[in-house]
PDB file of all heavy atoms in Angstrom:
ATOM      1  N   LEU A   1       6.265   7.750  -8.063  1.00  0.00           N
ATOM      2  CA  LEU A   1       6.540   8.329  -9.373  1.00  0.00           C
ATOM      3  C   LEU A   1       5.542   9.444  -9.622  1.00  0.00           C
ATOM      4  O   LEU A   1       4.344   9.277  -9.407  1.00  0.00           O
ATOM      5  CB  LEU A   1       6.435   7.255 -10.462  1.00  0.00           C
ATOM      6  CG  LEU A   1       7.303   6.003 -10.266  1.00  0.00           C
ATOM      7  CD1 LEU A   1       7.110   5.045 -11.432  1.00  0.00           C
ATOM      8  CD2 LEU A   1       8.771   6.374 -10.136  1.00  0.00           C
ATOM      9  N   GLN A   2       6.030  10.564 -10.086  1.00  0.00           N
ATOM     10  CA  GLN A   2       5.174  11.735 -10.221  1.00  0.00           C
ATOM     11  C   GLN A   2       4.310  11.708 -11.486  1.00  0.00           C
ATOM     12  O   GLN A   2       3.291  12.377 -11.557  1.00  0.00           O
ATOM     13  CB  GLN A   2       6.036  13.008 -10.219  1.00  0.00           C
ATOM     14  CG  GLN A   2       6.861  13.182  -8.959  1.00  0.00           C
ATOM     15  CD  GLN A   2       6.012  13.180  -7.693  1.00  0.00           C
ATOM     16  OE1 GLN A   2       4.916  13.738  -7.673  1.00  0.00           O
ATOM     17  NE2 GLN A   2       6.508  12.547  -6.644  1.00  0.00           N
ATOM     18  N   SER A   3       4.724  10.939 -12.502  1.00  0.00           N
ATOM     19  CA  SER A   3       4.061  11.044 -13.801  1.00  0.00           C
ATOM     20  C   SER A   3       2.874  10.101 -13.972  1.00  0.00           C
ATOM     21  O   SER A   3       2.152  10.185 -14.968  1.00  0.00           O
ATOM     22  CB  SER A   3       5.068  10.772 -14.917  1.00  0.00           C
ATOM     23  OG  SER A   3       5.594   9.465 -14.808  1.00  0.00           O
ATOM     24  N   VAL A   4       2.666   9.155 -13.030  1.00  0.00           N
ATOM     25  CA  VAL A   4       1.568   8.198 -13.177  1.00  0.00           C
ATOM     26  C   VAL A   4       0.742   8.160 -11.889  1.00  0.00           C
ATOM     27  O   VAL A   4       1.171   8.655 -10.842  1.00  0.00           O
ATOM     28  CB  VAL A   4       2.095   6.775 -13.493  1.00  0.00           C
ATOM     29  CG1 VAL A   4       2.869   6.766 -14.788  1.00  0.00           C
ATOM     30  CG2 VAL A   4       2.961   6.251 -12.354  1.00  0.00           C
ATOM     31  N   SER A   5      -0.439   7.548 -11.977  1.00  0.00           N
ATOM     32  CA  SER A   5      -1.303   7.398 -10.806  1.00  0.00           C
ATOM     33  C   SER A   5      -0.989   6.063 -10.126  1.00  0.00           C
ATOM     34  O   SER A   5      -1.107   5.011 -10.743  1.00  0.00           O
ATOM     35  CB  SER A   5      -2.776   7.440 -11.224  1.00  0.00           C
ATOM     36  OG  SER A   5      -3.094   8.677 -11.825  1.00  0.00           O
ATOM     37  N   GLN A   6      -0.578   6.114  -8.867  1.00  0.00           N
ATOM     38  CA  GLN A   6      -0.265   4.908  -8.107  1.00  0.00           C
ATOM     39  C   GLN A   6      -1.330   4.708  -7.039  1.00  0.00           C
ATOM     40  O   GLN A   6      -1.650   5.623  -6.282  1.00  0.00           O
ATOM     41  CB  GLN A   6       1.127   5.024  -7.476  1.00  0.00           C
ATOM     42  CG  GLN A   6       2.252   5.022  -8.502  1.00  0.00           C
ATOM     43  CD  GLN A   6       3.596   5.339  -7.878  1.00  0.00           C
ATOM     44  OE1 GLN A   6       3.932   6.493  -7.684  1.00  0.00           O
ATOM     45  NE2 GLN A   6       4.371   4.307  -7.575  1.00  0.00           N
ATOM     46  N   ILE A   7      -1.860   3.496  -6.978  1.00  0.00           N
ATOM     47  CA  ILE A   7      -2.939   3.176  -6.041  1.00  0.00           C
ATOM     48  C   ILE A   7      -2.508   2.013  -5.167  1.00  0.00           C
ATOM     49  O   ILE A   7      -2.084   0.966  -5.667  1.00  0.00           O
ATOM     50  CB  ILE A   7      -4.234   2.814  -6.796  1.00  0.00           C
ATOM     51  CG1 ILE A   7      -4.697   4.000  -7.651  1.00  0.00           C
ATOM     52  CG2 ILE A   7      -5.335   2.398  -5.820  1.00  0.00           C
ATOM     53  CD1 ILE A   7      -5.889   3.685  -8.531  1.00  0.00           C
ATOM     54  N   GLU A   8      -2.593   2.205  -3.845  1.00  0.00           N
ATOM     55  CA  GLU A   8      -2.287   1.135  -2.903  1.00  0.00           C
ATOM     56  C   GLU A   8      -3.544   0.309  -2.659  1.00  0.00           C
ATOM     57  O   GLU A   8      -4.571   0.844  -2.253  1.00  0.00           O
ATOM     58  CB  GLU A   8      -1.770   1.698  -1.576  1.00  0.00           C
ATOM     59  CG  GLU A   8      -0.316   2.119  -1.610  1.00  0.00           C
ATOM     60  CD  GLU A   8       0.244   2.418  -0.220  1.00  0.00           C
ATOM     61  OE1 GLU A   8      -0.562   2.583   0.716  1.00  0.00           O
ATOM     62  OE2 GLU A   8       1.457   2.480  -0.094  1.00  0.00           O
ATOM     63  N   ILE A   9      -3.422  -1.002  -2.904  1.00  0.00           N
ATOM     64  CA  ILE A   9      -4.551  -1.903  -2.665  1.00  0.00           C
ATOM     65  C   ILE A   9      -4.660  -2.238  -1.189  1.00  0.00           C
ATOM     66  O   ILE A   9      -5.752  -2.433  -0.650  1.00  0.00           O
ATOM     67  CB  ILE A   9      -4.396  -3.183  -3.510  1.00  0.00           C
ATOM     68  CG1 ILE A   9      -4.380  -2.836  -4.999  1.00  0.00           C
ATOM     69  CG2 ILE A   9      -5.506  -4.169  -3.197  1.00  0.00           C
ATOM     70  CD1 ILE A   9      -5.626  -2.140  -5.494  1.00  0.00           C
ATOM     71  N   GLY A  10      -3.518  -2.309  -0.505  1.00  0.00           N
ATOM     72  CA  GLY A  10      -3.522  -2.610   0.922  1.00  0.00           C
ATOM     73  C   GLY A  10      -4.096  -3.985   1.195  1.00  0.00           C
ATOM     74  O   GLY A  10      -3.761  -4.966   0.539  1.00  0.00           O
ATOM     75  N   SER A  11      -5.028  -4.070   2.141  1.00  0.00           N
ATOM     76  CA  SER A  11      -5.606  -5.363   2.535  1.00  0.00           C
ATOM     77  C   SER A  11      -6.936  -5.656   1.840  1.00  0.00           C
ATOM     78  O   SER A  11      -7.630  -6.602   2.200  1.00  0.00           O
ATOM     79  CB  SER A  11      -5.804  -5.393   4.052  1.00  0.00           C
ATOM     80  OG  SER A  11      -6.657  -4.335   4.457  1.00  0.00           O
ATOM     81  N   GLN A  12      -7.306  -4.857   0.839  1.00  0.00           N
ATOM     82  CA  GLN A  12      -8.564  -5.103   0.127  1.00  0.00           C
ATOM     83  C   GLN A  12      -8.496  -6.420  -0.650  1.00  0.00           C
ATOM     84  O   GLN A  12      -7.413  -6.874  -1.020  1.00  0.00           O
ATOM     85  CB  GLN A  12      -8.837  -3.972  -0.872  1.00  0.00           C
ATOM     86  CG  GLN A  12      -8.933  -2.587  -0.282  1.00  0.00           C
ATOM     87  CD  GLN A  12      -9.165  -1.555  -1.370  1.00  0.00           C
ATOM     88  OE1 GLN A  12     -10.161  -1.595  -2.083  1.00  0.00           O
ATOM     89  NE2 GLN A  12      -8.228  -0.632  -1.515  1.00  0.00           N
ATOM     90  N   PRO A  13      -9.642  -7.050  -0.938  1.00  0.00           N
ATOM     91  CA  PRO A  13      -9.652  -8.230  -1.811  1.00  0.00           C
ATOM     92  C   PRO A  13      -9.054  -7.855  -3.167  1.00  0.00           C
ATOM     93  O   PRO A  13      -9.518  -6.900  -3.820  1.00  0.00           O
ATOM     94  CB  PRO A  13     -11.144  -8.569  -1.925  1.00  0.00           C
ATOM     95  CG  PRO A  13     -11.754  -7.979  -0.693  1.00  0.00           C
ATOM     96  CD  PRO A  13     -10.972  -6.737  -0.402  1.00  0.00           C
ATOM     97  N   ILE A  14      -8.033  -8.578  -3.587  1.00  0.00           N
ATOM     98  CA  ILE A  14      -7.199  -8.120  -4.700  1.00  0.00           C
ATOM     99  C   ILE A  14      -7.961  -8.019  -6.010  1.00  0.00           C
ATOM    100  O   ILE A  14      -7.947  -6.972  -6.673  1.00  0.00           O
ATOM    101  CB  ILE A  14      -5.977  -9.044  -4.851  1.00  0.00           C
ATOM    102  CG1 ILE A  14      -5.069  -8.893  -3.631  1.00  0.00           C
ATOM    103  CG2 ILE A  14      -5.196  -8.697  -6.115  1.00  0.00           C
ATOM    104  CD1 ILE A  14      -3.875  -9.825  -3.637  1.00  0.00           C
ATOM    105  N   GLY A  15      -8.617  -9.110  -6.435  1.00  0.00           N
ATOM    106  CA  GLY A  15      -9.256  -9.121  -7.744  1.00  0.00           C
ATOM    107  C   GLY A  15     -10.246  -7.990  -7.949  1.00  0.00           C
ATOM    108  O   GLY A  15     -10.104  -7.175  -8.873  1.00  0.00           O
ATOM    109  N   PRO A  16     -11.276  -7.864  -7.103  1.00  0.00           N
ATOM    110  CA  PRO A  16     -12.252  -6.790  -7.266  1.00  0.00           C
ATOM    111  C   PRO A  16     -11.628  -5.398  -7.163  1.00  0.00           C
ATOM    112  O   PRO A  16     -12.012  -4.479  -7.893  1.00  0.00           O
ATOM    113  CB  PRO A  16     -13.245  -7.028  -6.124  1.00  0.00           C
ATOM    114  CG  PRO A  16     -13.108  -8.484  -5.810  1.00  0.00           C
ATOM    115  CD  PRO A  16     -11.670  -8.809  -6.040  1.00  0.00           C
ATOM    116  N   ALA A  17     -10.655  -5.233  -6.262  1.00  0.00           N
ATOM    117  CA  ALA A  17     -10.028  -3.917  -6.084  1.00  0.00           C
ATOM    118  C   ALA A  17      -9.259  -3.505  -7.329  1.00  0.00           C
ATOM    119  O   ALA A  17      -9.273  -2.338  -7.729  1.00  0.00           O
ATOM    120  CB  ALA A  17      -9.098  -3.937  -4.872  1.00  0.00           C
ATOM    121  N   ILE A  18      -8.565  -4.472  -7.957  1.00  0.00           N
ATOM    122  CA  ILE A  18      -7.802  -4.176  -9.170  1.00  0.00           C
ATOM    123  C   ILE A  18      -8.736  -3.738 -10.287  1.00  0.00           C
ATOM    124  O   ILE A  18      -8.524  -2.712 -10.945  1.00  0.00           O
ATOM    125  CB  ILE A  18      -6.987  -5.407  -9.605  1.00  0.00           C
ATOM    126  CG1 ILE A  18      -5.817  -5.630  -8.643  1.00  0.00           C
ATOM    127  CG2 ILE A  18      -6.472  -5.249 -11.026  1.00  0.00           C
ATOM    128  CD1 ILE A  18      -5.035  -6.900  -8.924  1.00  0.00           C
ATOM    129  N   LEU A  19      -9.783  -4.501 -10.523  1.00  0.00           N
ATOM    130  CA  LEU A  19     -10.718  -4.173 -11.597  1.00  0.00           C
ATOM    131  C   LEU A  19     -11.394  -2.828 -11.358  1.00  0.00           C
ATOM    132  O   LEU A  19     -11.504  -1.990 -12.262  1.00  0.00           O
ATOM    133  CB  LEU A  19     -11.774  -5.270 -11.727  1.00  0.00           C
ATOM    134  CG  LEU A  19     -11.370  -6.519 -12.505  1.00  0.00           C
ATOM    135  CD1 LEU A  19     -12.456  -7.584 -12.388  1.00  0.00           C
ATOM    136  CD2 LEU A  19     -11.117  -6.191 -13.971  1.00  0.00           C
ATOM    137  N   ALA A  20     -11.830  -2.584 -10.129  1.00  0.00           N
ATOM    138  CA  ALA A  20     -12.530  -1.342  -9.812  1.00  0.00           C
ATOM    139  C   ALA A  20     -11.625  -0.131 -10.014  1.00  0.00           C
ATOM    140  O   ALA A  20     -12.041   0.893 -10.568  1.00  0.00           O
ATOM    141  CB  ALA A  20     -13.039  -1.389  -8.371  1.00  0.00           C
ATOM    142  N   ALA A  21     -10.348  -0.257  -9.574  1.00  0.00           N
ATOM    143  CA  ALA A  21      -9.419   0.863  -9.694  1.00  0.00           C
ATOM    144  C   ALA A  21      -9.104   1.169 -11.149  1.00  0.00           C
ATOM    145  O   ALA A  21      -9.100   2.333 -11.568  1.00  0.00           O
ATOM    146  CB  ALA A  21      -8.136   0.563  -8.935  1.00  0.00           C
ATOM    147  N   ALA A  22      -8.850   0.116 -11.946  1.00  0.00           N
ATOM    148  CA  ALA A  22      -8.486   0.321 -13.345  1.00  0.00           C
ATOM    149  C   ALA A  22      -9.646   0.888 -14.149  1.00  0.00           C
ATOM    150  O   ALA A  22      -9.491   1.833 -14.939  1.00  0.00           O
ATOM    151  CB  ALA A  22      -8.017  -0.994 -13.957  1.00  0.00           C
ATOM    152  N   VAL A  23     -10.840   0.335 -13.948  1.00  0.00           N
ATOM    153  CA  VAL A  23     -12.014   0.807 -14.696  1.00  0.00           C
ATOM    154  C   VAL A  23     -12.401   2.213 -14.242  1.00  0.00           C
ATOM    155  O   VAL A  23     -12.724   3.087 -15.055  1.00  0.00           O
ATOM    156  CB  VAL A  23     -13.198  -0.169 -14.514  1.00  0.00           C
ATOM    157  CG1 VAL A  23     -14.457   0.398 -15.139  1.00  0.00           C
ATOM    158  CG2 VAL A  23     -12.860  -1.523 -15.132  1.00  0.00           C
ATOM    159  N   GLY A  24     -12.320   2.453 -12.929  1.00  0.00           N
ATOM    160  CA  GLY A  24     -12.700   3.752 -12.397  1.00  0.00           C
ATOM    161  C   GLY A  24     -11.799   4.873 -12.879  1.00  0.00           C
ATOM    162  O   GLY A  24     -12.230   6.026 -12.986  1.00  0.00           O
ATOM    163  N   GLN A  25     -10.531   4.552 -13.172  1.00  0.00           N
ATOM    164  CA  GLN A  25      -9.588   5.560 -13.638  1.00  0.00           C
ATOM    165  C   GLN A  25      -9.510   5.631 -15.163  1.00  0.00           C
ATOM    166  O   GLN A  25      -8.644   6.324 -15.699  1.00  0.00           O
ATOM    167  CB  GLN A  25      -8.194   5.262 -13.070  1.00  0.00           C
ATOM    168  CG  GLN A  25      -8.084   5.430 -11.565  1.00  0.00           C
ATOM    169  CD  GLN A  25      -8.361   6.853 -11.137  1.00  0.00           C
ATOM    170  OE1 GLN A  25      -7.883   7.801 -11.734  1.00  0.00           O
ATOM    171  NE2 GLN A  25      -9.163   7.005 -10.087  1.00  0.00           N
ATOM    172  N   ASP A  26     -10.378   4.896 -15.865  1.00  0.00           N
ATOM    173  CA  ASP A  26     -10.376   4.894 -17.326  1.00  0.00           C
ATOM    174  C   ASP A  26      -8.969   4.614 -17.853  1.00  0.00           C
ATOM    175  O   ASP A  26      -8.440   5.324 -18.715  1.00  0.00           O
ATOM    176  CB  ASP A  26     -10.897   6.236 -17.846  1.00  0.00           C
ATOM    177  CG  ASP A  26     -11.115   6.218 -19.365  1.00  0.00           C
ATOM    178  OD1 ASP A  26     -11.339   5.128 -19.920  1.00  0.00           O
ATOM    179  OD2 ASP A  26     -11.032   7.300 -19.987  1.00  0.00           O
TER     180      ASP A  26
END
């Protein structure tokens, strides 16, 4: 989707990766 930021977590540990991505992108 062109209008939003999409981030692939891939094989990263889910919980920490989700929090880091959301907080890092404000």
